[in-house]
């Protein structure tokens, strides 16, 4: 699966894993030592995340039901918590600095392909 910012014309991740079961959503990126471009994780039915137990920082996009970015968090360090984000229905976790490199902003539209 791919995540593409249609507003900016930028590919966010060309190897996007999907976390849609309870277990895959709970585990997320735990146990991994890194997340490199072009990888990412799309967590369905999610409006809050944590990085407890993670070993590396990530960029995070909270999307509404239409794929619009309602909140972005750059370089979220391990052992942090993001409380529920109003209007968010899913989350994309990306390698650190992806948001800056793609110039992704709140209000942009992200299309999930595949």
N, C-alpha and C. Protein backbone atom coordinates (compact mmCIF):
# COMPACT_ATOMS: atom_id res chain seq x y z
N UNK A 1 0.84 -1.17 0.00
CA UNK A 1 0.00 0.00 0.00
C UNK A 1 0.89 1.24 0.00
N UNK A 2 0.39 2.34 -0.57
CA UNK A 2 1.13 3.60 -0.64
C UNK A 2 0.32 4.72 -0.01
N UNK A 3 1.03 5.71 0.53
CA UNK A 3 0.41 6.93 1.04
C UNK A 3 0.95 8.09 0.21
N UNK A 4 0.04 8.84 -0.41
CA UNK A 4 0.43 9.91 -1.32
C UNK A 4 -0.27 11.20 -0.91
N UNK A 5 0.50 12.26 -0.70
CA UNK A 5 -0.06 13.57 -0.38
C UNK A 5 -0.47 14.22 -1.70
N UNK A 6 -1.76 14.19 -2.00
CA UNK A 6 -2.24 14.73 -3.28
C UNK A 6 -2.16 16.25 -3.31
N UNK A 7 -2.20 16.90 -2.18
CA UNK A 7 -2.10 18.36 -2.13
C UNK A 7 -0.72 18.83 -2.56
N UNK A 8 0.31 18.15 -2.11
CA UNK A 8 1.71 18.55 -2.38
C UNK A 8 2.34 17.76 -3.52
N UNK A 9 1.66 16.70 -3.99
CA UNK A 9 2.24 15.86 -5.02
C UNK A 9 3.45 15.10 -4.53
N UNK A 10 3.37 14.59 -3.29
CA UNK A 10 4.52 13.93 -2.68
C UNK A 10 4.15 12.55 -2.16
N UNK A 11 5.03 11.59 -2.40
CA UNK A 11 4.85 10.25 -1.85
C UNK A 11 5.36 10.24 -0.42
N UNK A 12 4.48 9.85 0.51
CA UNK A 12 4.85 9.78 1.92
C UNK A 12 5.45 8.42 2.27
N UNK A 13 4.90 7.37 1.69
CA UNK A 13 5.40 6.01 1.92
C UNK A 13 4.95 5.13 0.77
N UNK A 14 5.89 4.40 0.18
CA UNK A 14 5.52 3.49 -0.90
C UNK A 14 5.43 2.05 -0.41
N UNK A 15 5.76 1.82 0.84
CA UNK A 15 5.65 0.50 1.46
C UNK A 15 4.95 0.67 2.80
N UNK A 16 3.63 0.85 2.73
CA UNK A 16 2.83 1.16 3.91
C UNK A 16 2.15 -0.10 4.42
N UNK A 17 2.48 -0.49 5.65
CA UNK A 17 1.80 -1.62 6.29
C UNK A 17 0.47 -1.13 6.86
N UNK A 18 -0.48 -2.05 6.99
CA UNK A 18 -1.79 -1.71 7.54
C UNK A 18 -1.97 -2.42 8.87
N UNK A 19 -2.33 -1.67 9.90
CA UNK A 19 -2.65 -2.24 11.21
C UNK A 19 -4.15 -2.06 11.40
N UNK A 20 -4.90 -3.15 11.22
CA UNK A 20 -6.36 -3.03 11.32
C UNK A 20 -6.98 -4.02 12.31
N UNK A 21 -6.19 -4.95 12.82
CA UNK A 21 -6.70 -5.85 13.87
C UNK A 21 -6.34 -5.25 15.22
N UNK A 22 -7.02 -5.70 16.26
CA UNK A 22 -6.72 -5.19 17.60
C UNK A 22 -5.25 -5.40 17.94
N UNK A 23 -4.75 -6.60 17.68
CA UNK A 23 -3.36 -6.91 18.03
C UNK A 23 -2.37 -6.06 17.22
N UNK A 24 -2.57 -5.94 15.91
CA UNK A 24 -1.63 -5.17 15.09
C UNK A 24 -1.67 -3.69 15.44
N UNK A 25 -2.82 -3.20 15.88
CA UNK A 25 -2.92 -1.80 16.30
C UNK A 25 -2.23 -1.58 17.64
N UNK A 26 -2.32 -2.54 18.55
CA UNK A 26 -1.65 -2.43 19.85
C UNK A 26 -0.13 -2.50 19.68
N UNK A 27 0.34 -3.44 18.88
CA UNK A 27 1.78 -3.64 18.70
C UNK A 27 2.39 -2.50 17.88
N UNK A 28 1.74 -2.10 16.80
CA UNK A 28 2.27 -1.01 15.97
C UNK A 28 3.70 -1.24 15.56
N UNK A 29 4.58 -0.31 15.90
CA UNK A 29 5.99 -0.39 15.54
C UNK A 29 6.87 -0.92 16.66
N UNK A 30 6.26 -1.38 17.75
CA UNK A 30 7.03 -1.90 18.88
C UNK A 30 7.89 -3.08 18.45
N UNK A 31 9.07 -3.16 19.00
CA UNK A 31 9.97 -4.27 18.69
C UNK A 31 10.86 -4.02 17.49
N UNK A 32 10.63 -2.94 16.79
CA UNK A 32 11.49 -2.62 15.65
C UNK A 32 12.61 -1.69 16.10
N UNK A 33 13.71 -1.76 15.40
CA UNK A 33 14.85 -0.91 15.77
C UNK A 33 14.94 0.35 14.92
N UNK A 34 14.16 0.41 13.85
CA UNK A 34 14.19 1.58 12.97
C UNK A 34 12.98 1.57 12.03
N UNK A 35 12.77 2.67 11.37
CA UNK A 35 11.76 2.79 10.32
C UNK A 35 12.38 3.68 9.25
N UNK A 36 12.69 3.11 8.11
CA UNK A 36 13.36 3.85 7.05
C UNK A 36 12.40 4.14 5.90
N UNK A 37 12.68 5.23 5.18
CA UNK A 37 11.98 5.53 3.94
C UNK A 37 12.19 4.33 3.03
N UNK A 38 11.20 3.82 2.36
CA UNK A 38 9.87 4.34 2.09
C UNK A 38 8.78 3.69 2.95
N UNK A 39 9.13 3.16 4.10
CA UNK A 39 8.16 2.42 4.92
C UNK A 39 7.29 3.35 5.77
N UNK A 40 6.17 2.79 6.23
CA UNK A 40 5.27 3.49 7.14
C UNK A 40 4.24 2.51 7.66
N UNK A 41 3.42 2.98 8.59
CA UNK A 41 2.36 2.16 9.18
C UNK A 41 1.09 2.97 9.23
N UNK A 42 0.01 2.43 8.64
CA UNK A 42 -1.31 3.07 8.70
C UNK A 42 -2.13 2.32 9.74
N UNK A 43 -2.55 3.03 10.78
CA UNK A 43 -3.35 2.43 11.85
C UNK A 43 -4.79 2.87 11.67
N UNK A 44 -5.63 1.93 11.31
CA UNK A 44 -7.06 2.23 11.08
C UNK A 44 -7.78 2.33 12.42
N UNK A 45 -8.88 3.06 12.42
CA UNK A 45 -9.72 3.25 13.61
C UNK A 45 -8.86 3.67 14.81
N UNK A 46 -8.18 4.79 14.65
CA UNK A 46 -7.24 5.25 15.68
C UNK A 46 -7.24 6.77 15.72
N UNK A 47 -7.27 7.34 16.93
CA UNK A 47 -7.17 8.80 17.05
C UNK A 47 -6.18 9.22 18.15
N UNK A 48 -5.42 8.25 18.67
CA UNK A 48 -4.46 8.51 19.74
C UNK A 48 -3.35 7.48 19.64
N UNK A 49 -2.12 7.89 19.93
CA UNK A 49 -1.01 6.93 19.88
C UNK A 49 -0.05 7.16 21.04
N UNK A 50 0.83 6.19 21.23
CA UNK A 50 1.92 6.34 22.19
C UNK A 50 3.18 5.78 21.54
N UNK A 51 4.31 6.19 22.07
CA UNK A 51 5.59 5.65 21.61
C UNK A 51 6.32 4.98 22.78
N UNK A 52 5.55 4.49 23.74
CA UNK A 52 6.13 3.79 24.89
C UNK A 52 6.82 2.52 24.40
N UNK A 53 8.06 2.35 24.77
CA UNK A 53 8.80 1.16 24.37
C UNK A 53 9.45 1.25 23.01
N UNK A 54 9.21 2.32 22.28
CA UNK A 54 9.85 2.46 20.97
C UNK A 54 11.29 2.90 21.13
N UNK A 55 12.09 2.64 20.10
CA UNK A 55 13.53 2.91 20.17
C UNK A 55 13.97 4.07 19.29
N UNK A 56 13.03 4.70 18.58
CA UNK A 56 13.40 5.73 17.61
C UNK A 56 12.24 6.72 17.45
N UNK A 57 12.53 7.95 17.02
CA UNK A 57 11.47 8.93 16.80
C UNK A 57 10.74 8.67 15.48
N UNK A 58 9.51 9.17 15.39
CA UNK A 58 8.71 9.02 14.17
C UNK A 58 7.97 10.33 13.89
N UNK A 59 7.50 10.48 12.65
CA UNK A 59 6.56 11.53 12.28
C UNK A 59 5.18 10.90 12.25
N UNK A 60 4.16 11.67 12.61
CA UNK A 60 2.81 11.13 12.72
C UNK A 60 1.81 12.06 12.04
N UNK A 61 0.92 11.46 11.23
CA UNK A 61 -0.18 12.20 10.62
C UNK A 61 -1.49 11.61 11.09
N UNK A 62 -2.36 12.45 11.63
CA UNK A 62 -3.71 12.04 12.01
C UNK A 62 -4.64 12.46 10.88
N UNK A 63 -5.41 11.51 10.36
CA UNK A 63 -6.30 11.76 9.23
C UNK A 63 -7.75 11.65 9.63
N UNK A 64 -8.60 12.47 9.00
CA UNK A 64 -10.04 12.30 9.20
C UNK A 64 -10.54 11.24 8.22
N UNK A 65 -11.83 11.01 8.18
CA UNK A 65 -12.41 9.97 7.34
C UNK A 65 -12.26 10.20 5.85
N UNK A 66 -11.91 11.43 5.45
CA UNK A 66 -11.72 11.75 4.03
C UNK A 66 -10.25 11.85 3.65
N UNK A 67 -9.36 11.50 4.58
CA UNK A 67 -7.94 11.54 4.30
C UNK A 67 -7.29 12.89 4.52
N UNK A 68 -8.01 13.83 5.09
CA UNK A 68 -7.46 15.16 5.36
C UNK A 68 -6.62 15.11 6.64
N UNK A 69 -5.45 15.73 6.59
CA UNK A 69 -4.58 15.78 7.77
C UNK A 69 -5.18 16.77 8.77
N UNK A 70 -5.56 16.25 9.95
CA UNK A 70 -6.13 17.11 10.99
C UNK A 70 -5.11 17.45 12.07
N UNK A 71 -4.02 16.70 12.12
CA UNK A 71 -2.91 17.01 13.04
C UNK A 71 -1.66 16.32 12.53
N UNK A 72 -0.54 17.02 12.65
CA UNK A 72 0.74 16.41 12.31
C UNK A 72 1.70 16.62 13.47
N UNK A 73 2.52 15.61 13.72
CA UNK A 73 3.51 15.67 14.80
C UNK A 73 4.85 15.24 14.20
N UNK A 74 5.81 16.14 14.25
CA UNK A 74 7.13 15.83 13.70
C UNK A 74 8.08 15.34 14.79
N UNK A 75 8.87 14.35 14.43
CA UNK A 75 9.95 13.86 15.29
C UNK A 75 9.48 13.52 16.71
N UNK A 76 8.40 12.75 16.79
CA UNK A 76 7.86 12.33 18.09
C UNK A 76 8.82 11.32 18.71
N UNK A 77 9.37 11.67 19.84
CA UNK A 77 10.38 10.84 20.49
C UNK A 77 9.75 9.66 21.23
N UNK A 78 10.57 8.64 21.53
CA UNK A 78 10.07 7.51 22.32
C UNK A 78 9.53 7.94 23.68
N UNK A 79 8.61 7.12 24.19
CA UNK A 79 8.00 7.30 25.51
C UNK A 79 7.15 8.57 25.61
N UNK A 80 6.44 8.87 24.53
CA UNK A 80 5.52 10.01 24.50
C UNK A 80 4.11 9.50 24.26
N UNK A 81 3.13 10.35 24.56
CA UNK A 81 1.71 10.02 24.39
C UNK A 81 1.03 11.18 23.68
N UNK A 82 0.23 10.85 22.67
CA UNK A 82 -0.61 11.84 22.01
C UNK A 82 -2.05 11.50 22.38
N UNK A 83 -2.69 12.39 23.08
CA UNK A 83 -4.09 12.19 23.50
C UNK A 83 -5.00 12.19 22.28
N UNK A 84 -6.24 11.71 22.42
CA UNK A 84 -7.14 11.64 21.28
C UNK A 84 -7.24 12.97 20.52
N UNK A 85 -7.17 12.86 19.21
CA UNK A 85 -7.23 14.01 18.32
C UNK A 85 -8.64 14.10 17.74
N UNK A 86 -9.27 15.23 17.98
CA UNK A 86 -10.63 15.46 17.49
C UNK A 86 -10.67 15.31 15.97
N UNK A 87 -11.66 14.62 15.47
CA UNK A 87 -11.92 14.37 14.05
C UNK A 87 -11.02 13.31 13.42
N UNK A 88 -9.99 12.86 14.11
CA UNK A 88 -9.10 11.85 13.52
C UNK A 88 -9.75 10.47 13.54
N UNK A 89 -9.59 9.74 12.43
CA UNK A 89 -10.13 8.38 12.36
C UNK A 89 -9.04 7.35 12.05
N UNK A 90 -7.86 7.83 11.66
CA UNK A 90 -6.73 6.92 11.43
C UNK A 90 -5.43 7.70 11.57
N UNK A 91 -4.33 6.95 11.64
CA UNK A 91 -3.01 7.53 11.86
C UNK A 91 -2.02 6.90 10.89
N UNK A 92 -1.12 7.71 10.38
CA UNK A 92 0.01 7.19 9.60
C UNK A 92 1.28 7.52 10.36
N UNK A 93 2.06 6.48 10.67
CA UNK A 93 3.36 6.66 11.32
C UNK A 93 4.44 6.53 10.25
N UNK A 94 5.33 7.50 10.21
CA UNK A 94 6.34 7.61 9.15
C UNK A 94 7.73 7.80 9.74
N UNK A 95 8.77 7.56 8.94
CA UNK A 95 10.12 7.84 9.43
C UNK A 95 10.25 9.32 9.82
N UNK A 96 11.04 9.59 10.84
CA UNK A 96 11.27 10.97 11.26
C UNK A 96 11.75 11.81 10.08
N UNK A 97 11.29 13.04 10.02
CA UNK A 97 11.63 14.05 9.01
C UNK A 97 10.86 13.92 7.71
N UNK A 98 9.98 12.93 7.58
CA UNK A 98 9.18 12.78 6.36
C UNK A 98 8.24 13.97 6.18
N UNK A 99 7.63 14.44 7.25
CA UNK A 99 6.69 15.57 7.15
C UNK A 99 7.41 16.80 6.61
N UNK A 100 8.58 17.09 7.14
CA UNK A 100 9.34 18.26 6.68
C UNK A 100 9.80 18.08 5.24
N UNK A 101 10.31 16.90 4.91
CA UNK A 101 10.84 16.67 3.56
C UNK A 101 9.76 16.74 2.50
N UNK A 102 8.53 16.35 2.84
CA UNK A 102 7.43 16.38 1.86
C UNK A 102 6.60 17.65 1.99
N UNK A 103 6.92 18.50 2.95
CA UNK A 103 6.20 19.75 3.21
C UNK A 103 4.72 19.51 3.50
N UNK A 104 4.42 18.39 4.12
CA UNK A 104 3.04 18.05 4.46
C UNK A 104 2.55 18.95 5.59
N UNK A 105 1.32 19.45 5.45
CA UNK A 105 0.73 20.37 6.42
C UNK A 105 -0.68 19.92 6.79
N UNK A 106 -1.16 20.42 7.92
CA UNK A 106 -2.55 20.18 8.29
C UNK A 106 -3.44 20.77 7.21
N UNK A 107 -4.48 20.03 6.85
CA UNK A 107 -5.36 20.43 5.76
C UNK A 107 -5.05 19.73 4.45
N UNK A 108 -3.83 19.21 4.30
CA UNK A 108 -3.48 18.45 3.09
C UNK A 108 -4.32 17.18 3.03
N UNK A 109 -4.48 16.65 1.83
CA UNK A 109 -5.23 15.41 1.64
C UNK A 109 -4.26 14.29 1.28
N UNK A 110 -4.38 13.18 2.01
CA UNK A 110 -3.53 12.00 1.79
C UNK A 110 -4.40 10.90 1.19
N UNK A 111 -3.94 10.35 0.07
CA UNK A 111 -4.64 9.24 -0.58
C UNK A 111 -3.88 7.96 -0.29
N UNK A 112 -4.63 6.94 0.12
CA UNK A 112 -4.05 5.62 0.36
C UNK A 112 -4.36 4.75 -0.84
N UNK A 113 -3.32 4.22 -1.47
CA UNK A 113 -3.45 3.51 -2.74
C UNK A 113 -3.01 2.06 -2.55
N UNK A 114 -3.84 1.14 -3.05
CA UNK A 114 -3.47 -0.27 -3.02
C UNK A 114 -4.18 -0.97 -1.95
